Amino acid sequence: MSDPSQSNRAGVYVRQPTGYRAFMPAPLPPVPPIALQGELPGLLSQADRALGRLDGSVLTLPNPDLFIFMYVRKEAVLSSQIEGTQSSLQDVLAAEAELFDEQRPHDVGEVINYVRAMHHGLARLSSLPVSLRLVLEIHAKLMRGVRGGHLQPGELRRSQNWIGPPGSTLATAAYVPPPAHEVPQALGDWERFLHARDELPPLVRIALAHVQFETIHPFLDGNGRVGRLLITFLLTESGILHKPVLYLSHYFRMHRQAYYDHLQAVRDRGDWEGWLAFFLRGVIAVAGEAAETARRIQLLREAHRTIITEQLGRAAGNGHRVLERLFDRPIVSVADVQQVTGTTYVAANTLVRRMAELGIISEMTGYARNRRFRYQPYVQLFTDEVPA
């Protein structure tokens, strides 16, 4: 952006008594207002259409909540990997299935906390709008008992933080958010903007709100993950999506440096339009990927239902029950199958063996006892672009 009069649209840097410069964000919406011109109207229209197609494709699934189960975990893995975790989707599923593995990354608890925070926030939206109160609740869920858990989970920071490479100081940091005493006021302005009644398109409001939250950086740790969770909550609350199935962490992770550069360009040059174009391209790309995944889930389910019906004879009914359970929990034991079908252990073991012979499930532990079986064709739909 070349107009110097717009360089302070997002706020100003203010020198603090001890010498460093901290950023003081201006309340939203920006002044001058967002210029929805050039490529932006077309991108906004494409994004709206992509979200509409995604919403429709997910609602055609027999049980959309089964799609959400895996998608939430995929988002949790990718958003956490942006912050440096090593755990994969396979690690998370195995940990939730209570499979011990001494080789599993120790940070899997951070990803599982992300899943819990996501579910907590989505459940709370039925009675509580996206607000500072909700932000504090999900931050507490996210940080409790994991790395950074000693840094005031669920509480606004009471000291100055900064962003920069290891070893950086307040004087050399890439970005210094507002001082702690300014955070409550900044978040109050942010919350009022979320629910303002104006003509701003919902996707534009969400895009602006994400940057503002990251700019305020209200916690000592976990700001990036909370900010990405908020995108999902706002999409759901606004009615853009009936089910929370748009997660931008995949796009942000693929374009990590561009993501950080755009956030900083807003602060330094007031380039809200550049950020908005980047955000909308992400929405278009990720919505298309999610719609394709939903289509592939439907095809996979139909193919495996046909195999079960044609190959399992009198056991087909129980085979279908197990298949539906696998979409909800893709790792099972024989005891799980026994519980789902209400049969004897011997009958459940036989059903598991036959489903494994058909290539629907595969044994994953190598144990003779306490075996676990994974619905790998389904898991693979979500792990193609997630490193194991």
Protein backbone atom coordinates (compact mmCIF):
# COMPACT_ATOMS: atom_id res chain seq x y z
CA MET A 1 0.00 0.00 0.00
CA SER A 2 1.59 3.26 -1.10
CA ASP A 3 -0.68 5.84 0.56
CA PRO A 4 1.16 7.04 3.69
CA SER A 5 -2.10 8.34 5.16
CA GLN A 6 -3.22 4.74 5.62
CA SER A 7 -0.12 3.49 7.44
CA ASN A 8 -1.73 4.05 10.85
CA ARG A 9 -5.06 2.40 10.01
CA ALA A 10 -4.37 -0.57 12.30
CA GLY A 11 -2.76 1.42 15.12
CA VAL A 12 0.51 3.04 16.11
CA TYR A 13 3.76 2.08 17.79
CA VAL A 14 4.28 3.88 21.11
CA ARG A 15 7.63 4.07 22.89
CA GLN A 16 7.38 2.76 26.45
CA PRO A 17 9.13 4.20 29.54
CA THR A 18 11.82 1.51 29.40
CA GLY A 19 12.63 2.28 25.77
CA TYR A 20 10.96 -0.43 23.67
CA ARG A 21 8.13 0.29 21.21
CA ALA A 22 4.77 -1.49 21.67
CA PHE A 23 1.91 -1.50 19.19
CA MET A 24 -1.39 0.12 20.19
CA PRO A 25 -4.16 -1.26 17.95
CA ALA A 26 -6.85 1.08 16.69
CA PRO A 27 -10.44 -0.11 17.21
CA LEU A 28 -12.13 -1.89 14.32
CA PRO A 29 -13.41 -1.32 11.68
CA PRO A 30 -10.43 0.38 10.00
CA VAL A 31 -10.47 4.04 9.03
CA PRO A 32 -10.49 4.64 6.10
CA PRO A 33 -12.85 1.68 5.63
CA ILE A 34 -11.92 -1.52 3.83
CA ALA A 35 -11.79 -0.85 0.08
CA LEU A 36 -13.72 -3.73 -1.46
CA GLN A 37 -12.42 -3.13 -4.96
CA GLY A 38 -9.99 -4.66 -7.41
CA GLU A 39 -9.75 -8.41 -6.86
CA LEU A 40 -11.54 -8.40 -3.51
CA PRO A 41 -15.19 -8.49 -4.69
CA GLY A 42 -14.43 -11.48 -6.92
CA LEU A 43 -12.56 -13.30 -4.14
CA LEU A 44 -15.36 -12.61 -1.68
CA SER A 45 -17.93 -13.98 -4.13
CA GLN A 46 -15.82 -17.09 -4.80
CA ALA A 47 -15.36 -17.67 -1.08
CA ASP A 48 -19.10 -17.38 -0.42
CA ARG A 49 -19.84 -19.89 -3.19
CA ALA A 50 -17.15 -22.29 -1.96
CA LEU A 51 -18.57 -22.21 1.57
CA GLY A 52 -22.07 -22.81 0.22
CA ARG A 53 -20.89 -25.87 -1.71
CA LEU A 54 -19.04 -27.15 1.35
CA ASP A 55 -22.05 -26.70 3.61
CA GLY A 56 -24.24 -28.56 1.14
CA SER A 57 -21.78 -31.42 0.62
CA VAL A 58 -21.38 -32.00 4.37
CA LEU A 59 -25.12 -31.92 5.02
CA THR A 60 -25.62 -34.70 2.44
CA LEU A 61 -23.51 -37.09 4.54
CA PRO A 62 -25.54 -39.69 6.47
CA ASN A 63 -24.07 -38.38 9.73
CA PRO A 64 -22.23 -35.06 9.34
CA ASP A 65 -20.99 -35.25 12.93
CA LEU A 66 -18.79 -38.23 12.01
CA PHE A 67 -17.04 -36.04 9.44
CA ILE A 68 -16.56 -33.40 12.13
CA PHE A 69 -14.92 -35.91 14.49
CA MET A 70 -11.96 -36.42 12.18
CA TYR A 71 -11.86 -32.91 10.80
CA VAL A 72 -11.53 -31.39 14.28
CA ARG A 73 -8.55 -33.66 14.94
CA LYS A 74 -6.94 -32.79 11.65
CA GLU A 75 -7.28 -29.08 12.44
CA ALA A 76 -5.90 -29.65 15.94
CA VAL A 77 -2.80 -31.34 14.51
CA LEU A 78 -2.14 -28.67 11.89
CA SER A 79 -2.79 -25.68 14.14
CA SER A 80 -0.54 -27.16 16.83
CA GLN A 81 2.19 -27.94 14.28
CA ILE A 82 2.31 -24.24 13.39
CA GLU A 83 3.37 -23.73 17.02
CA GLY A 84 6.09 -26.40 16.78
CA THR A 85 4.45 -29.66 17.92
CA GLN A 86 5.52 -32.91 16.23
CA SER A 87 2.46 -35.11 16.79
CA SER A 88 0.59 -36.45 13.78
CA LEU A 89 -3.06 -37.34 13.33
CA GLN A 90 -2.14 -41.01 13.76
CA ASP A 91 -0.48 -40.15 17.12
CA VAL A 92 -3.62 -38.39 18.33
CA LEU A 93 -5.95 -41.22 17.34
CA ALA A 94 -3.68 -43.79 18.98
CA ALA A 95 -3.44 -41.73 22.19
CA GLU A 96 -7.22 -41.37 22.33
CA ALA A 97 -7.50 -45.13 21.87
CA GLU A 98 -5.19 -45.48 24.91
CA LEU A 99 -2.46 -47.24 22.97
CA PHE A 100 0.86 -46.97 24.77
CA ASP A 101 3.81 -46.06 22.54
CA GLU A 102 7.06 -44.85 24.06
CA GLN A 103 8.02 -43.40 20.65
CA ARG A 104 4.99 -41.13 20.50
CA PRO A 105 5.84 -37.40 20.67
CA HIS A 106 5.36 -36.01 24.17
CA ASP A 107 3.43 -33.03 22.84
CA VAL A 108 0.39 -35.10 21.80
CA GLY A 109 -1.35 -33.75 24.92
CA GLU A 110 -1.29 -30.27 23.40
CA VAL A 111 -3.18 -31.51 20.35
CA ILE A 112 -5.72 -33.40 22.46
CA ASN A 113 -6.24 -30.21 24.49
CA TYR A 114 -6.95 -28.38 21.23
CA VAL A 115 -9.65 -30.94 20.42
CA ARG A 116 -11.18 -30.44 23.87
CA ALA A 117 -11.07 -26.67 23.50
CA MET A 118 -12.76 -26.90 20.10
CA HIS A 119 -15.56 -29.12 21.40
CA HIS A 120 -16.02 -26.94 24.48
CA GLY A 121 -16.31 -23.79 22.40
CA LEU A 122 -18.74 -25.32 19.91
CA ALA A 123 -20.94 -26.61 22.73
CA ARG A 124 -20.93 -23.24 24.47
CA LEU A 125 -22.04 -21.38 21.33
CA SER A 126 -25.60 -22.58 21.94
CA SER A 127 -25.79 -20.40 25.05
CA LEU A 128 -22.84 -18.00 24.86
CA PRO A 129 -21.77 -15.79 21.92
CA VAL A 130 -18.18 -15.51 20.83
CA SER A 131 -16.91 -13.18 23.53
CA LEU A 132 -14.06 -12.52 25.93
CA ARG A 133 -15.67 -14.94 28.38
CA LEU A 134 -15.62 -17.73 25.79
CA VAL A 135 -12.04 -16.86 24.83
CA LEU A 136 -10.91 -17.25 28.45
CA GLU A 137 -12.72 -20.59 28.78
CA ILE A 138 -11.18 -22.12 25.67
CA HIS A 139 -7.73 -20.81 26.59
CA ALA A 140 -8.01 -22.58 29.94
CA LYS A 141 -8.96 -25.84 28.18
CA LEU A 142 -6.16 -25.42 25.65
CA MET A 143 -3.30 -24.77 28.06
CA ARG A 144 -4.10 -26.83 31.14
CA GLY A 145 -1.47 -29.45 31.97
CA VAL A 146 0.72 -28.96 28.87
CA ARG A 147 3.70 -26.88 27.75
CA GLY A 148 2.93 -23.30 28.76
CA GLY A 149 0.35 -24.52 31.25
CA HIS A 150 2.10 -22.60 34.04
CA LEU A 151 1.56 -19.32 32.15
CA GLN A 152 -1.84 -18.32 33.56
CA PRO A 153 -4.31 -20.59 31.65
CA GLY A 154 -7.61 -18.81 31.18
CA GLU A 155 -6.23 -15.46 32.36
CA LEU A 156 -5.21 -12.34 30.48
CA ARG A 157 -1.51 -11.65 30.69
CA ARG A 158 -0.26 -9.33 33.40
CA SER A 159 3.15 -8.69 31.85
CA GLN A 160 4.59 -7.67 28.50
CA ASN A 161 5.10 -10.35 25.86
CA TRP A 162 6.76 -10.21 22.44
CA ILE A 163 7.19 -12.18 19.23
CA GLY A 164 10.55 -12.99 17.73
CA PRO A 165 13.18 -15.65 17.15
CA PRO A 166 14.76 -17.45 20.12
CA GLY A 167 16.98 -15.11 22.08
CA SER A 168 15.17 -11.96 20.99
CA THR A 169 14.38 -9.24 23.52
CA LEU A 170 11.84 -6.46 23.75
CA ALA A 171 14.34 -4.26 21.92
CA THR A 172 14.99 -6.74 19.08
CA ALA A 173 11.59 -8.49 18.82
CA ALA A 174 9.82 -8.72 15.47
CA TYR A 175 6.61 -7.52 17.11
CA VAL A 176 5.67 -6.21 20.57
CA PRO A 177 1.92 -6.27 21.40
CA PRO A 178 0.26 -3.63 23.59
CA PRO A 179 1.28 -3.47 27.26
CA ALA A 180 -0.75 -5.63 29.65
CA HIS A 181 -2.73 -2.72 31.10
CA GLU A 182 -4.02 -1.88 27.59
CA VAL A 183 -5.26 -5.42 26.84
CA PRO A 184 -8.70 -5.31 28.58
CA GLN A 185 -9.71 -2.12 26.72
CA ALA A 186 -8.46 -3.48 23.39
CA LEU A 187 -10.38 -6.73 23.87
CA GLY A 188 -13.49 -4.81 24.86
CA ASP A 189 -13.32 -2.88 21.58
CA TRP A 190 -12.69 -6.17 19.74
CA GLU A 191 -15.74 -7.80 21.34
CA ARG A 192 -18.01 -4.87 20.42
CA PHE A 193 -16.81 -5.10 16.82
CA LEU A 194 -17.69 -8.82 16.66
CA HIS A 195 -21.35 -8.09 17.26
CA ALA A 196 -21.74 -4.66 15.67
CA ARG A 197 -24.77 -4.21 13.44
CA ASP A 198 -23.43 -2.82 10.18
CA GLU A 199 -23.11 -3.73 6.51
CA LEU A 200 -19.70 -5.41 6.73
CA PRO A 201 -19.78 -8.86 5.03
CA PRO A 202 -19.41 -11.64 7.64
CA LEU A 203 -16.26 -13.09 6.07
CA VAL A 204 -14.62 -9.67 6.12
CA ARG A 205 -15.55 -9.22 9.79
CA ILE A 206 -14.07 -12.62 10.67
CA ALA A 207 -10.87 -11.87 8.76
CA LEU A 208 -10.41 -8.54 10.54
CA ALA A 209 -11.25 -10.01 13.94
CA HIS A 210 -8.59 -12.69 13.58
CA VAL A 211 -5.83 -10.18 12.89
CA GLN A 212 -6.96 -7.93 15.73
CA PHE A 213 -6.89 -10.80 18.21
CA GLU A 214 -3.39 -11.84 17.14
CA THR A 215 -2.29 -8.20 17.31
CA ILE A 216 -3.57 -7.80 20.88
CA HIS A 217 -1.92 -11.13 21.82
CA PRO A 218 -3.74 -11.23 25.16
CA PHE A 219 -2.11 -14.36 26.62
CA LEU A 220 1.43 -15.33 27.52
CA ASP A 221 1.08 -18.46 25.37
CA GLY A 222 -1.50 -20.05 23.07
CA ASN A 223 -2.56 -16.88 21.21
CA GLY A 224 -2.14 -18.37 17.73
CA ARG A 225 -4.16 -21.48 18.50
CA VAL A 226 -6.95 -19.53 20.21
CA GLY A 227 -7.06 -17.10 17.29
CA ARG A 228 -7.45 -19.93 14.79
CA LEU A 229 -10.14 -21.58 16.92
CA LEU A 230 -12.04 -18.30 16.88
CA ILE A 231 -12.27 -18.35 13.07
CA THR A 232 -14.20 -21.63 13.29
CA PHE A 233 -16.43 -20.39 16.10
CA LEU A 234 -17.28 -17.17 14.23
CA LEU A 235 -18.07 -19.03 10.99
CA THR A 236 -20.47 -21.25 12.91
CA GLU A 237 -22.02 -18.50 15.02
CA SER A 238 -22.65 -16.30 11.98
CA GLY A 239 -24.54 -19.11 10.20
CA ILE A 240 -22.11 -19.20 7.28
CA LEU A 241 -21.66 -22.91 8.01
CA HIS A 242 -24.16 -25.20 9.73
CA LYS A 243 -21.34 -27.52 10.75
CA PRO A 244 -17.84 -26.41 11.81
CA VAL A 245 -15.88 -27.87 8.92
CA LEU A 246 -13.71 -25.03 7.63
CA TYR A 247 -10.30 -25.04 9.24
CA LEU A 248 -7.71 -22.68 7.81
CA SER A 249 -4.68 -24.03 9.68
CA HIS A 250 -3.80 -26.22 6.69
CA TYR A 251 -3.56 -23.13 4.48
CA PHE A 252 -1.78 -21.05 7.12
CA ARG A 253 0.72 -23.85 7.68
CA MET A 254 1.42 -24.27 3.96
CA HIS A 255 1.95 -20.50 3.63
CA ARG A 256 3.30 -19.85 7.11
CA GLN A 257 5.70 -17.04 6.27
CA ALA A 258 3.14 -15.29 4.07
CA TYR A 259 0.63 -15.58 6.95
CA TYR A 260 3.00 -13.89 9.38
CA ASP A 261 4.04 -11.30 6.78
CA HIS A 262 0.43 -10.30 6.12
CA LEU A 263 -0.31 -9.92 9.83
CA GLN A 264 2.71 -7.66 10.20
CA ALA A 265 1.88 -5.69 7.04
CA VAL A 266 -1.45 -4.75 8.60
CA ARG A 267 0.31 -3.36 11.67
CA ASP A 268 3.15 -1.64 9.81
CA ARG A 269 1.34 -0.33 6.72
CA GLY A 270 -2.37 -0.68 7.42
CA ASP A 271 -2.61 -3.22 4.58
CA TRP A 272 -5.92 -4.75 5.56
CA GLU A 273 -6.80 -5.38 1.92
CA GLY A 274 -3.69 -7.51 1.33
CA TRP A 275 -4.53 -9.63 4.38
CA LEU A 276 -8.15 -9.96 3.28
CA ALA A 277 -7.15 -11.23 -0.17
CA PHE A 278 -4.83 -13.81 1.44
CA PHE A 279 -7.57 -14.89 3.88
CA LEU A 280 -10.22 -15.26 1.16
CA ARG A 281 -7.88 -17.32 -1.02
CA GLY A 282 -7.40 -19.59 1.96
CA VAL A 283 -11.14 -19.94 2.46
CA ILE A 284 -11.61 -20.83 -1.22
CA ALA A 285 -8.82 -23.42 -1.21
CA VAL A 286 -9.68 -25.08 2.10
CA ALA A 287 -13.43 -25.15 1.43
CA GLY A 288 -12.78 -26.91 -1.85
CA GLU A 289 -10.54 -29.49 -0.17
CA ALA A 290 -13.09 -30.13 2.57
CA ALA A 291 -15.93 -30.56 0.07
CA GLU A 292 -13.82 -33.07 -1.86
CA THR A 293 -13.05 -34.96 1.37
CA ALA A 294 -16.77 -35.12 2.16
CA ARG A 295 -17.43 -36.54 -1.32
CA ARG A 296 -14.71 -39.18 -0.87
CA ILE A 297 -16.13 -40.15 2.54
CA GLN A 298 -19.51 -40.75 0.95
CA LEU A 299 -17.96 -42.91 -1.79
CA LEU A 300 -15.88 -44.88 0.72
CA ARG A 301 -18.88 -45.53 2.95
CA GLU A 302 -21.00 -46.72 0.02
CA ALA A 303 -18.22 -49.01 -1.25
CA HIS A 304 -17.66 -50.62 2.15
CA ARG A 305 -21.38 -50.99 2.82
CA THR A 306 -21.66 -52.85 -0.49
CA ILE A 307 -18.74 -55.14 0.39
CA ILE A 308 -20.20 -55.90 3.82
CA THR A 309 -23.64 -56.66 2.39
CA GLU A 310 -22.26 -58.93 -0.32
CA GLN A 311 -19.52 -60.70 1.67
CA LEU A 312 -20.62 -61.04 5.29
CA GLY A 313 -23.94 -62.84 4.83
CA ARG A 314 -25.86 -63.10 8.13
CA ALA A 315 -23.18 -61.05 9.89
CA ALA A 316 -23.77 -58.08 7.55
CA GLY A 317 -26.04 -56.29 10.02
CA ASN A 318 -23.36 -56.31 12.68
CA GLY A 319 -20.77 -55.39 10.06
CA HIS A 320 -22.73 -52.26 9.21
CA ARG A 321 -22.94 -51.34 12.90
CA VAL A 322 -19.19 -51.67 13.24
CA LEU A 323 -18.62 -49.63 10.07
CA GLU A 324 -20.67 -46.74 11.43
CA ARG A 325 -18.71 -46.92 14.69
CA LEU A 326 -15.44 -46.74 12.72
CA PHE A 327 -16.45 -43.39 11.23
CA ASP A 328 -16.78 -42.12 14.79
CA ARG A 329 -13.81 -43.98 16.33
CA PRO A 330 -11.47 -45.29 13.61
CA ILE A 331 -9.43 -47.42 16.04
CA VAL A 332 -11.21 -50.29 17.78
CA SER A 333 -10.51 -53.45 19.75
CA VAL A 334 -12.40 -56.73 19.62
CA ALA A 335 -13.99 -55.77 22.94
CA ASP A 336 -15.24 -52.54 21.35
CA VAL A 337 -16.79 -54.53 18.51
CA GLN A 338 -18.38 -56.88 21.01
CA GLN A 339 -19.95 -53.91 22.78
CA VAL A 340 -21.21 -52.36 19.52
CA THR A 341 -22.77 -55.61 18.26
CA GLY A 342 -23.93 -57.12 21.54
CA THR A 343 -22.52 -60.52 20.55
CA THR A 344 -20.10 -62.90 22.22
CA TYR A 345 -16.38 -62.21 22.21
CA VAL A 346 -15.84 -65.14 19.85
CA ALA A 347 -18.40 -63.79 17.37
CA ALA A 348 -16.91 -60.28 17.60
CA ASN A 349 -13.42 -61.68 17.00
CA THR A 350 -14.66 -63.56 13.94
CA LEU A 351 -16.32 -60.40 12.58
CA VAL A 352 -13.13 -58.40 13.09
CA ARG A 353 -11.08 -61.05 11.32
CA ARG A 354 -13.44 -61.12 8.35
CA MET A 355 -13.53 -57.31 8.06
CA ALA A 356 -9.72 -57.33 8.12
CA GLU A 357 -9.64 -59.96 5.35
CA LEU A 358 -11.89 -57.70 3.29
CA GLY A 359 -9.41 -54.83 3.67
CA ILE A 360 -11.78 -52.61 5.62
CA ILE A 361 -9.69 -52.61 8.80
CA SER A 362 -6.11 -53.60 9.58
CA GLU A 363 -4.33 -54.65 12.77
CA MET A 364 -1.97 -51.88 13.87
CA THR A 365 -0.20 -53.05 17.05
CA GLY A 366 1.48 -56.31 16.10
CA TYR A 367 0.43 -57.69 19.48
CA ALA A 368 -0.96 -61.16 20.06
CA ARG A 369 -3.25 -59.72 22.78
CA ASN A 370 -4.84 -56.31 23.30
CA ARG A 371 -4.85 -55.79 19.56
CA ARG A 372 -6.21 -52.65 17.92
CA PHE A 373 -7.63 -52.36 14.43
CA ARG A 374 -7.62 -49.15 12.41
CA TYR A 375 -9.99 -48.03 9.66
CA GLN A 376 -7.03 -46.95 7.56
CA PRO A 377 -8.84 -46.12 4.28
CA TYR A 378 -10.87 -43.55 6.21
CA VAL A 379 -7.97 -42.14 8.22
CA GLN A 380 -5.98 -41.81 4.99
CA LEU A 381 -8.53 -39.34 3.62
CA PHE A 382 -7.40 -36.94 6.33
CA THR A 383 -3.70 -37.71 6.45
CA ASP A 384 -2.65 -37.37 2.82
CA GLU A 385 -1.19 -33.93 3.49
CA VAL A 386 -0.33 -34.41 7.18
CA PRO A 387 3.17 -35.83 7.76
CA ALA A 388 3.17 -39.01 9.82
